[in-house]
Protein backbone atom coordinates (compact mmCIF):
# COMPACT_ATOMS: atom_id res chain seq x y z
CA MET A 1 67.79 -54.01 -58.75
CA SER A 2 69.86 -54.12 -55.58
CA GLU A 3 68.70 -54.91 -52.09
CA PHE A 4 69.25 -51.23 -51.08
CA ASP A 5 66.88 -50.05 -53.79
CA ASP A 6 64.20 -52.43 -52.51
CA LEU A 7 64.55 -51.00 -49.00
CA THR A 8 64.29 -47.42 -50.29
CA GLU A 9 61.06 -48.17 -52.10
CA ALA A 10 59.53 -49.77 -48.98
CA VAL A 11 60.05 -46.65 -46.73
CA PRO A 12 57.45 -43.85 -47.32
CA THR A 13 58.84 -40.51 -48.40
CA LEU A 14 58.89 -37.89 -45.51
CA PRO A 15 58.23 -34.19 -46.23
CA VAL A 16 61.20 -31.87 -46.11
CA LEU A 17 60.60 -28.86 -43.78
CA THR A 18 62.32 -25.53 -43.64
CA VAL A 19 63.72 -24.36 -40.34
CA SER A 20 60.99 -21.70 -40.08
CA GLU A 21 58.27 -24.31 -40.60
CA LEU A 22 59.85 -26.61 -38.03
CA ASN A 23 60.09 -23.83 -35.40
CA ARG A 24 56.53 -22.74 -36.11
CA MET A 25 55.25 -26.30 -35.63
CA ALA A 26 57.25 -26.61 -32.41
CA ARG A 27 55.87 -23.30 -31.07
CA ARG A 28 52.27 -24.31 -31.82
CA ALA A 29 52.78 -27.70 -30.20
CA LEU A 30 54.23 -26.07 -27.06
CA GLU A 31 51.47 -23.45 -26.73
CA SER A 32 48.71 -26.01 -27.27
CA GLN A 33 50.09 -28.51 -24.74
CA LEU A 34 51.34 -26.17 -22.01
CA PRO A 35 48.82 -23.54 -20.78
CA LEU A 36 49.48 -20.48 -18.62
CA LEU A 37 51.29 -21.57 -15.46
CA TRP A 38 53.26 -20.18 -12.52
CA VAL A 39 57.04 -20.71 -12.52
CA GLU A 40 59.27 -19.93 -9.53
CA GLY A 41 62.97 -19.12 -9.77
CA GLU A 42 65.80 -16.64 -9.28
CA VAL A 43 66.19 -13.67 -11.64
CA SER A 44 69.44 -13.43 -13.59
CA ASN A 45 70.69 -11.48 -16.62
CA PHE A 46 67.90 -8.95 -16.17
CA MET A 47 67.77 -6.25 -18.85
CA CYS A 48 65.23 -3.48 -19.50
CA ALA A 49 65.38 -2.63 -23.21
CA ALA A 50 64.89 0.86 -24.65
CA SER A 51 61.46 -0.30 -25.85
CA GLY A 52 60.41 -0.95 -22.25
CA HIS A 53 60.40 -4.76 -22.58
CA TRP A 54 62.07 -6.87 -19.85
CA TYR A 55 64.43 -9.71 -20.77
CA PHE A 56 65.76 -12.04 -18.06
CA SER A 57 66.32 -15.66 -17.08
CA LEU A 58 64.80 -17.73 -14.31
CA LYS A 59 67.03 -20.33 -12.75
CA ASP A 60 67.22 -22.80 -9.92
CA THR A 61 70.03 -25.12 -8.83
CA HIS A 62 69.61 -27.42 -11.84
CA ALA A 63 68.27 -25.44 -14.83
CA GLN A 64 67.34 -22.07 -16.25
CA VAL A 65 64.90 -20.70 -18.84
CA ARG A 66 64.73 -17.46 -20.80
CA CYS A 67 61.83 -15.07 -20.12
CA VAL A 68 60.42 -11.98 -21.79
CA MET A 69 57.84 -9.58 -20.33
CA PHE A 70 56.60 -6.97 -22.76
CA ARG A 71 55.98 -3.36 -21.79
CA GLY A 72 52.18 -3.75 -22.02
CA ARG A 73 52.42 -6.31 -19.20
CA ASN A 74 55.28 -5.11 -16.99
CA GLN A 75 53.74 -1.64 -16.56
CA PHE A 76 51.24 -3.23 -14.17
CA ALA A 77 53.93 -4.83 -11.98
CA ASP A 78 54.30 -3.25 -8.52
CA PHE A 79 58.13 -3.63 -8.53
CA THR A 80 61.03 -3.93 -10.95
CA PRO A 81 62.92 -7.20 -10.45
CA ALA A 82 66.69 -7.27 -10.03
CA ASN A 83 69.29 -10.01 -10.41
CA GLY A 84 69.10 -12.37 -7.47
CA ASP A 85 65.41 -11.68 -6.68
CA HIS A 86 63.35 -14.78 -6.01
CA VAL A 87 60.10 -14.35 -7.96
CA GLU A 88 57.09 -16.19 -9.30
CA VAL A 89 56.10 -15.60 -12.94
CA ARG A 90 52.77 -16.41 -14.56
CA ALA A 91 53.80 -17.20 -18.14
CA LEU A 92 52.97 -19.05 -21.34
CA PRO A 93 55.69 -21.49 -22.54
CA THR A 94 56.54 -20.79 -26.18
CA LEU A 95 59.33 -20.89 -28.76
CA TYR A 96 61.01 -17.82 -30.26
CA GLU A 97 60.91 -18.85 -33.91
CA ALA A 98 63.67 -16.54 -35.14
CA ARG A 99 66.35 -18.28 -33.00
CA GLY A 100 64.60 -21.48 -32.06
CA ASP A 101 64.92 -20.61 -28.35
CA PHE A 102 62.54 -22.02 -25.78
CA GLN A 103 61.28 -19.16 -23.55
CA LEU A 104 58.47 -18.02 -21.25
CA GLY A 105 56.17 -15.14 -22.22
CA ALA A 106 55.54 -13.55 -18.80
CA GLU A 107 52.06 -12.15 -18.13
CA GLN A 108 52.41 -11.37 -14.40
CA ILE A 109 55.24 -11.25 -11.87
CA ARG A 110 55.29 -11.24 -8.07
CA ARG A 111 57.78 -11.86 -5.33
CA ALA A 112 58.12 -15.50 -4.35
CA GLY A 113 55.78 -16.46 -1.55
CA ALA A 114 53.31 -13.65 -2.27
CA GLY A 115 50.84 -16.10 -3.76
CA ARG A 116 50.82 -18.30 -0.68
CA LEU A 117 50.58 -15.26 1.57
CA TYR A 118 47.67 -13.91 -0.44
CA GLU A 119 45.84 -17.22 -0.20
CA ALA A 120 46.35 -17.22 3.58
CA PHE A 121 45.11 -13.60 3.64
CA LEU A 122 41.93 -14.52 1.77
CA LYS A 123 41.19 -17.51 4.03
CA LEU A 124 41.64 -15.50 7.22
CA LYS A 125 39.60 -12.60 5.78
CA ALA A 126 36.72 -14.95 4.93
CA LYS A 127 36.83 -16.46 8.44
CA LEU A 128 36.74 -13.08 10.24
CA GLU A 129 34.12 -11.74 7.85
CA ALA A 130 31.89 -14.74 8.61
CA GLU A 131 32.20 -13.89 12.31
CA GLY A 132 30.91 -10.37 11.59
CA LEU A 133 34.20 -8.67 12.46
CA PHE A 134 34.01 -6.51 9.32
CA ASP A 135 30.26 -5.78 9.50
CA PRO A 136 29.63 -2.14 8.43
CA ALA A 137 27.02 -1.88 11.19
CA ARG A 138 29.87 -2.13 13.74
CA LYS A 139 31.69 0.88 12.33
CA ARG A 140 31.62 3.96 14.58
CA PRO A 141 31.83 7.57 13.45
CA LEU A 142 34.91 9.58 14.40
CA PRO A 143 34.48 12.43 16.90
CA ARG A 144 34.52 15.77 15.14
CA PHE A 145 36.78 17.41 17.72
CA PRO A 146 38.93 14.76 19.44
CA ARG A 147 40.69 15.92 22.63
CA THR A 148 43.58 13.43 22.36
CA LEU A 149 44.90 11.30 19.48
CA GLY A 150 46.61 7.93 19.93
CA ILE A 151 49.09 6.44 17.45
CA VAL A 152 50.15 2.80 17.25
CA THR A 153 53.33 2.55 15.16
CA SER A 154 57.10 2.30 15.39
CA PRO A 155 58.97 5.35 16.78
CA GLN A 156 61.50 4.96 13.95
CA ALA A 157 58.86 4.62 11.20
CA ALA A 158 58.60 7.27 8.53
CA ALA A 159 54.83 6.98 8.95
CA LEU A 160 55.09 8.57 12.42
CA ALA A 161 56.91 11.59 11.00
CA ASP A 162 54.26 11.92 8.28
CA VAL A 163 51.43 11.75 10.83
CA LEU A 164 53.05 14.31 13.17
CA THR A 165 53.76 16.65 10.24
CA ALA A 166 50.13 16.44 9.10
CA LEU A 167 48.87 17.05 12.67
CA ALA A 168 51.21 20.03 13.13
CA ARG A 169 49.83 21.51 9.92
CA ARG A 170 46.17 20.83 10.67
CA MET A 171 45.87 21.12 14.47
CA PRO A 172 49.12 22.00 16.26
CA GLY A 173 47.56 22.00 19.73
CA LEU A 174 46.11 18.47 19.55
CA PRO A 175 47.75 16.19 22.17
CA VAL A 176 49.27 12.96 20.78
CA ILE A 177 50.06 9.74 22.67
CA LEU A 178 52.39 7.21 21.02
CA TYR A 179 52.01 3.52 21.73
CA PRO A 180 55.32 2.21 20.33
CA THR A 181 55.52 -1.18 18.67
CA PRO A 182 57.51 -2.89 15.88
CA VAL A 183 55.55 -2.91 12.62
CA GLN A 184 57.61 -5.50 10.72
CA GLY A 185 59.38 -8.74 11.43
CA ALA A 186 58.82 -11.85 13.51
CA GLY A 187 56.30 -11.36 16.32
CA ALA A 188 55.33 -7.86 15.12
CA GLY A 189 51.65 -8.82 14.83
CA ALA A 190 51.40 -9.86 18.48
CA GLN A 191 53.17 -6.68 19.62
CA ILE A 192 50.89 -4.46 17.49
CA ALA A 193 47.86 -6.19 19.03
CA ALA A 194 49.33 -5.70 22.51
CA ALA A 195 49.84 -1.97 21.84
CA ILE A 196 46.23 -1.61 20.69
CA ARG A 197 44.99 -3.40 23.81
CA THR A 198 47.17 -1.12 25.95
CA ALA A 199 45.60 1.95 24.35
CA ALA A 200 42.13 0.45 24.90
CA THR A 201 42.88 -0.28 28.58
CA ARG A 202 44.29 3.17 29.35
CA ALA A 203 41.47 4.99 27.50
CA GLU A 204 43.63 8.10 27.18
CA CYS A 205 42.59 9.10 23.65
CA ASP A 206 39.40 9.64 21.68
CA VAL A 207 40.69 8.24 18.37
CA LEU A 208 43.39 5.62 17.75
CA LEU A 209 45.55 5.60 14.59
CA VAL A 210 47.17 2.32 13.51
CA CYS A 211 49.62 3.20 10.77
CA ARG A 212 52.69 2.13 8.82
CA GLY A 213 54.36 3.24 5.59
CA GLY A 214 54.28 1.36 2.31
CA GLY A 215 56.04 -1.89 1.54
CA SER A 216 55.68 -5.32 0.02
CA LEU A 217 53.08 -7.86 1.08
CA GLU A 218 55.66 -9.47 3.37
CA ASP A 219 56.49 -6.09 4.94
CA LEU A 220 52.84 -5.40 5.70
CA TRP A 221 52.04 -8.95 6.81
CA ALA A 222 52.06 -8.08 10.53
CA PHE A 223 48.86 -6.07 9.94
CA ASN A 224 47.20 -9.21 8.51
CA ASP A 225 47.63 -10.97 11.86
CA GLU A 226 44.39 -12.29 13.32
CA ALA A 227 45.28 -10.90 16.75
CA VAL A 228 45.64 -7.39 15.29
CA ALA A 229 42.23 -7.56 13.58
CA ARG A 230 40.53 -8.81 16.76
CA ALA A 231 42.25 -6.16 18.91
CA ILE A 232 41.06 -3.39 16.56
CA ALA A 233 37.50 -4.76 16.57
CA ALA A 234 37.48 -4.94 20.39
CA CYS A 235 38.93 -1.44 20.87
CA PRO A 236 36.39 0.81 22.67
CA MET A 237 37.42 3.99 20.82
CA PRO A 238 37.17 4.48 17.03
CA VAL A 239 40.21 3.19 15.10
CA VAL A 240 41.58 4.63 11.86
CA SER A 241 43.84 2.34 9.81
CA GLY A 242 46.49 3.94 7.59
CA VAL A 243 48.71 1.07 6.47
CA GLY A 244 50.79 1.14 3.29
CA HIS A 245 49.80 2.95 0.13
CA GLU A 246 46.41 3.49 -1.48
CA THR A 247 46.52 0.12 -3.29
CA ASP A 248 47.48 -1.86 -0.16
CA PHE A 249 44.72 -3.58 1.82
CA THR A 250 45.20 -5.46 5.11
CA LEU A 251 42.90 -7.09 7.64
CA ALA A 252 43.51 -4.08 9.88
CA ASP A 253 41.84 -1.90 7.21
CA PHE A 254 38.71 -4.08 7.19
CA ALA A 255 38.48 -4.30 11.00
CA ALA A 256 39.03 -0.56 11.58
CA ASP A 257 36.16 1.89 11.81
CA LEU A 258 37.69 3.91 8.97
CA ARG A 259 40.36 3.03 6.40
CA ALA A 260 42.75 5.73 5.16
CA PRO A 261 44.86 5.22 2.01
CA THR A 262 48.07 6.48 3.70
CA PRO A 263 49.26 7.42 7.21
CA THR A 264 49.07 11.10 6.28
CA ALA A 265 45.49 10.68 5.14
CA ALA A 266 44.71 8.89 8.43
CA ALA A 267 45.98 11.90 10.39
CA GLU A 268 43.90 14.25 8.22
CA LEU A 269 40.76 12.17 8.69
CA ALA A 270 41.16 11.88 12.46
CA SER A 271 41.98 15.54 13.20
CA PRO A 272 40.03 18.72 12.55
CA GLY A 273 41.64 21.21 10.19
CA ARG A 274 42.74 24.34 12.03
CA ALA A 275 42.71 26.43 8.86
CA GLU A 276 39.23 25.21 7.91
CA LEU A 277 37.96 25.88 11.44
CA LEU A 278 39.43 29.37 11.47
CA GLU A 279 37.92 30.06 8.07
CA ARG A 280 34.55 28.73 9.28
CA LEU A 281 34.83 30.83 12.44
CA GLU A 282 35.59 33.96 10.41
CA HIS A 283 32.65 33.20 8.14
CA LEU A 284 30.34 32.83 11.15
CA ALA A 285 31.72 36.07 12.63
CA ARG A 286 30.93 37.87 9.36
CA LEU A 287 27.42 36.43 9.39
CA LEU A 288 26.96 37.48 13.03
CA ARG A 289 28.10 41.03 12.30
CA HIS A 290 25.83 41.17 9.28
CA HIS A 291 22.78 39.93 11.21
CA GLN A 292 23.58 42.23 14.12
CA GLY A 293 23.74 45.22 11.77
CA ARG A 294 20.43 44.29 10.17
CA ARG A 295 18.79 43.78 13.57
CA LEU A 296 20.13 47.10 14.86
CA HIS A 297 18.88 48.91 11.76
CA ALA A 298 15.43 47.28 12.08
CA GLU A 299 15.17 48.25 15.76
CA MET A 300 16.18 51.83 15.00
CA GLN A 301 13.45 52.07 12.37
CA ARG A 302 10.95 50.60 14.81
CA ILE A 303 11.91 53.23 17.45
CA ASP A 304 11.47 56.00 14.89
CA TYR A 305 8.04 54.65 13.96
CA LEU A 306 6.96 54.44 17.61
CA ALA A 307 8.31 57.94 18.26
CA ARG A 308 6.16 59.31 15.44
CA ARG A 309 3.11 57.58 16.91
CA LEU A 310 3.75 58.94 20.42
CA LEU A 311 1.22 61.84 21.08
CA HIS A 312 0.05 63.98 24.04
CA PRO A 313 -3.00 62.49 25.85
CA ALA A 314 -5.10 65.59 25.08
CA GLU A 315 -4.32 65.25 21.39
CA GLN A 316 -5.16 61.56 21.59
CA LEU A 317 -8.54 62.41 23.23
CA ARG A 318 -9.29 65.05 20.58
CA ARG A 319 -8.56 62.59 17.77
CA GLN A 320 -10.66 59.92 19.45
CA ARG A 321 -13.58 62.41 19.79
CA LEU A 322 -13.29 63.20 16.08
CA ASP A 323 -13.23 59.48 15.26
CA LEU A 324 -16.25 58.90 17.51
CA ALA A 325 -18.21 61.71 15.83
CA ALA A 326 -17.42 60.30 12.39
CA LEU A 327 -18.52 56.85 13.50
CA ALA A 328 -21.78 58.26 14.93
CA GLN A 329 -22.56 59.97 11.61
CA ARG A 330 -21.86 56.72 9.77
CA LEU A 331 -24.11 54.83 12.20
CA VAL A 332 -27.05 57.23 11.71
CA ALA A 333 -26.67 57.10 7.93
CA ALA A 334 -26.52 53.32 7.97
CA ALA A 335 -29.63 53.06 10.20
CA ARG A 336 -31.62 55.36 7.91
CA ALA A 337 -30.59 53.40 4.85
CA ARG A 338 -31.56 50.14 6.56
CA VAL A 339 -35.02 51.49 7.51
CA ALA A 340 -35.59 52.68 3.93
CA ARG A 341 -34.69 49.28 2.55
CA GLU A 342 -37.03 47.52 4.99
CA GLN A 343 -39.93 49.84 4.17
CA LEU A 344 -39.49 49.17 0.47
CA ALA A 345 -39.49 45.41 1.11
CA VAL A 346 -42.70 45.66 3.18
CA ALA A 347 -44.41 47.59 0.37
CA ARG A 348 -43.47 44.92 -2.15
CA LEU A 349 -44.79 42.17 0.10
CA ASP A 350 -48.01 44.10 0.69
CA GLN A 351 -48.60 44.32 -3.04
CA ARG A 352 -48.05 40.57 -3.39
CA LEU A 353 -50.42 39.74 -0.49
CA ALA A 354 -53.92 38.47 -1.76
CA THR A 355 -57.20 38.11 0.28
CA PRO A 356 -58.18 34.55 1.45
CA ARG A 357 -61.55 34.72 -0.44
CA HIS A 358 -59.73 35.33 -3.74
CA ARG A 359 -57.40 32.37 -3.09
CA ILE A 360 -60.41 30.15 -2.19
CA ALA A 361 -62.15 31.08 -5.46
CA GLN A 362 -59.06 30.21 -7.44
CA ALA A 363 -58.82 26.83 -5.66
CA GLN A 364 -62.56 26.11 -6.34
CA GLN A 365 -62.12 26.79 -10.07
CA LEU A 366 -59.13 24.46 -10.16
CA LEU A 367 -61.10 21.75 -8.32
CA ASP A 368 -64.07 22.01 -10.76
CA SER A 369 -61.72 21.76 -13.73
CA LEU A 370 -60.06 18.68 -12.29
CA ALA A 371 -63.45 17.01 -11.55
CA ASP A 372 -64.63 17.58 -15.13
CA ARG A 373 -61.39 16.15 -16.51
CA SER A 374 -61.78 13.14 -14.21
CA ARG A 375 -65.34 12.40 -15.41
CA ARG A 376 -64.34 12.61 -19.05
CA ALA A 377 -61.31 10.40 -18.49
CA THR A 378 -63.41 7.77 -16.64
CA ALA A 379 -66.04 7.62 -19.44
CA ALA A 380 -63.37 7.30 -22.13
CA GLY A 381 -61.68 4.52 -20.16
CA PHE A 382 -64.93 2.54 -19.77
CA ALA A 383 -65.58 2.85 -23.54
CA ARG A 384 -62.09 1.56 -24.38
CA GLN A 385 -62.44 -1.38 -21.98
CA ARG A 386 -65.91 -2.26 -23.43
CA LEU A 387 -64.51 -2.36 -26.98
CA THR A 388 -61.61 -4.51 -25.87
CA LEU A 389 -63.94 -6.95 -24.07
CA GLU A 390 -66.21 -7.29 -27.13
CA ARG A 391 -63.20 -7.96 -29.37
CA LEU A 392 -61.88 -10.63 -27.04
CA ALA A 393 -65.33 -12.27 -26.78
CA ALA A 394 -65.58 -12.50 -30.59
CA SER A 395 -62.12 -14.06 -30.78
CA LEU A 396 -63.03 -16.57 -28.07
CA ALA A 397 -66.27 -17.51 -29.89
CA HIS A 398 -64.28 -18.32 -33.03
CA LEU A 399 -62.08 -20.69 -31.04
CA ASN A 400 -64.96 -22.45 -29.19
CA PRO A 401 -65.28 -26.12 -30.42
CA GLU A 402 -69.05 -25.98 -29.85
CA GLU A 403 -69.34 -23.23 -32.42
CA VAL A 404 -67.43 -25.44 -34.91
CA LEU A 405 -69.84 -28.34 -34.27
CA ALA A 406 -72.76 -25.95 -34.76
CA ARG A 407 -71.59 -25.39 -38.31
CA GLY A 408 -72.15 -29.16 -39.14
CA TYR A 409 -68.91 -30.72 -38.05
CA SER A 410 -68.62 -33.75 -35.68
CA ILE A 411 -65.86 -35.41 -33.59
CA ALA A 412 -65.01 -39.15 -33.87
CA LEU A 413 -63.85 -40.71 -30.60
CA ARG A 414 -62.46 -44.22 -29.90
CA ALA A 415 -63.74 -46.38 -27.11
CA ASP A 416 -60.97 -44.99 -24.81
CA GLY A 417 -62.10 -41.43 -25.52
CA SER A 418 -59.16 -40.41 -27.78
CA VAL A 419 -59.91 -38.34 -30.88
CA VAL A 420 -59.45 -40.01 -34.31
CA ARG A 421 -57.37 -37.80 -36.60
CA ASP A 422 -56.29 -40.34 -39.29
CA ALA A 423 -58.55 -42.91 -41.00
CA THR A 424 -55.63 -45.29 -41.52
CA ALA A 425 -55.42 -45.69 -37.73
CA LEU A 426 -58.86 -47.50 -37.75
CA ALA A 427 -59.71 -51.02 -38.69
CA PRO A 428 -63.08 -52.39 -39.93
CA GLY A 429 -65.31 -53.29 -37.00
CA ASP A 430 -63.78 -50.68 -34.61
CA PRO A 431 -66.49 -49.04 -32.49
CA LEU A 432 -66.69 -45.24 -32.61
CA GLU A 433 -68.54 -42.57 -30.70
CA LEU A 434 -69.67 -39.56 -32.76
CA ARG A 435 -70.20 -36.22 -30.99
CA PHE A 436 -72.42 -33.57 -32.65
CA HIS A 437 -73.42 -29.99 -31.76
CA ARG A 438 -76.47 -31.51 -30.09
CA GLY A 439 -76.22 -35.11 -28.89
CA GLN A 440 -74.02 -38.18 -29.55
CA ALA A 441 -74.24 -41.45 -31.61
CA ARG A 442 -72.49 -44.85 -31.64
CA ALA A 443 -71.16 -46.34 -34.90
CA ARG A 444 -68.88 -49.13 -36.18
CA VAL A 445 -66.28 -48.87 -38.96
CA GLU A 446 -67.15 -50.81 -42.11
CA SER A 447 -64.18 -49.68 -44.23
CA THR A 448 -61.44 -46.98 -44.37
CA LYS A 449 -60.07 -45.00 -47.28
CA PRO A 450 -56.78 -43.09 -46.99
CA GLY A 451 -56.12 -39.61 -48.37
C-alpha cells in the first residue's frame, strides 16, 4: 500500500451535493442569519414585468445588489421608482436558487431620507401633543356663514385654483383674501408661519384656510415645521388645514381646528353651499306658503262659524227667555223630587225609631242574662280550683318524709348529720343517730354486711 492510499483512508469521506441542494442550503443559511433590514441605494435597471413584479438593482459607489418586489407588495407603494432614484428598501436577503444569484426580496420601499424625516415628525408631534397643542378641547367650530375667507398658500399653487373653483361653485359672492407664501423649499415653514400670523394680526377674515396640493413627504415638510403648528394654534380665528391628499398627515392638520383631506374639501367645509342654501330657502318658502294657506283656511272657517252665531239682540233675548223658562221647570221638578225623597227617608227612620222604655227593657234582660252566666262561671271555677288543690295536696303528702317514717321507716345519720346510704361506708364502733316518725335514738355500729 502506497503512502497516498494511507492519506486517503485517513481523510473522512465528504457528501457530494447537487447544485440545487447547495443553493437551497445557502438560501436557508442567508435567511436564518440575515433578518429583514433597510438597505439604501440608487435604483438602476428598473423593469416592471407583465406580471406586475418589479425587478431592479440597488447600487452605491462600490457595489450593487439585485432586488425583486412582487406585485402583492409593490401595490402598496406610494410611488413607482425610476432609474437614478435614491431609495430605501426594507428587504429580506435571500438566494434565487434557480440561478444561484444573491438578491433582496423587497417588502417595502420609500424615498431615501423619508425614514429619518418620519422619525423627526413623530418626535415633534409627541412634543407638541404633550404641550396640549392638539387637544380636541381647543378645537373651535367653524362659522356657518363666514363673511370673509382667508387663504394661506402660494399664488402659483394648483391648490389655490382648486379652492377658488370650489368657492365659485359653492358661494360665488364670498370675499377671499390671499396671504401669499411659498409652500415648499428652504425657509418655507417660517414664511408660512409668518403668513398665518399676518392673517391673525389683520383679523380680516372669519375662517383661515392653510392649503397645498399633494406631494412627497419632503414636499410637504414645510407644514411639519414647529413654527407653523404654533402659529395655527395661536390664530384667533378657526383654521382649516387642507394639505396634500387624503392619506397625507402633517402637524398643521393636527394643530388646525378642522382637517380636510384635500384643498378642495377644505374650501367646501369652510364655505356654505349656495345651491344647498337656495334649496333650503325654497323648501322653507314652500312650508311658509303651505302654513299660510292652512291658517287662512282656518280663519275663514272661524269667521263663517262666528257669522252663523251672530243674532239680533231681540232674538237673543227671546232664546234666553226660553232657556230660562226651561231651567225654571227643571228646577221645580228637581225640588219636588228632592222633597219626595226626603219624606220617604223620614218615614223609614220613623219606623226604625223605638221608645226608650223598650230599649231599657231589652238592656235589663241582657244584664240579667249576663249576671246569671257570671254566677255559674264563678261556681264552676271554684269547683275546678278545689279539685286541683286536693289533688296537689295528696301528691305532696306522698312526697312528705314524715309520712314515710310513719309507715315504719327510719333515717340513719352520722355524727356530722349526713345521711347514711351505704352500709359499706360505716365501720364497727361508728356512732349513729336514728330518727323515727316520733322521736330519736343513739346507736353504735357492731358490724356491717354489704348487699
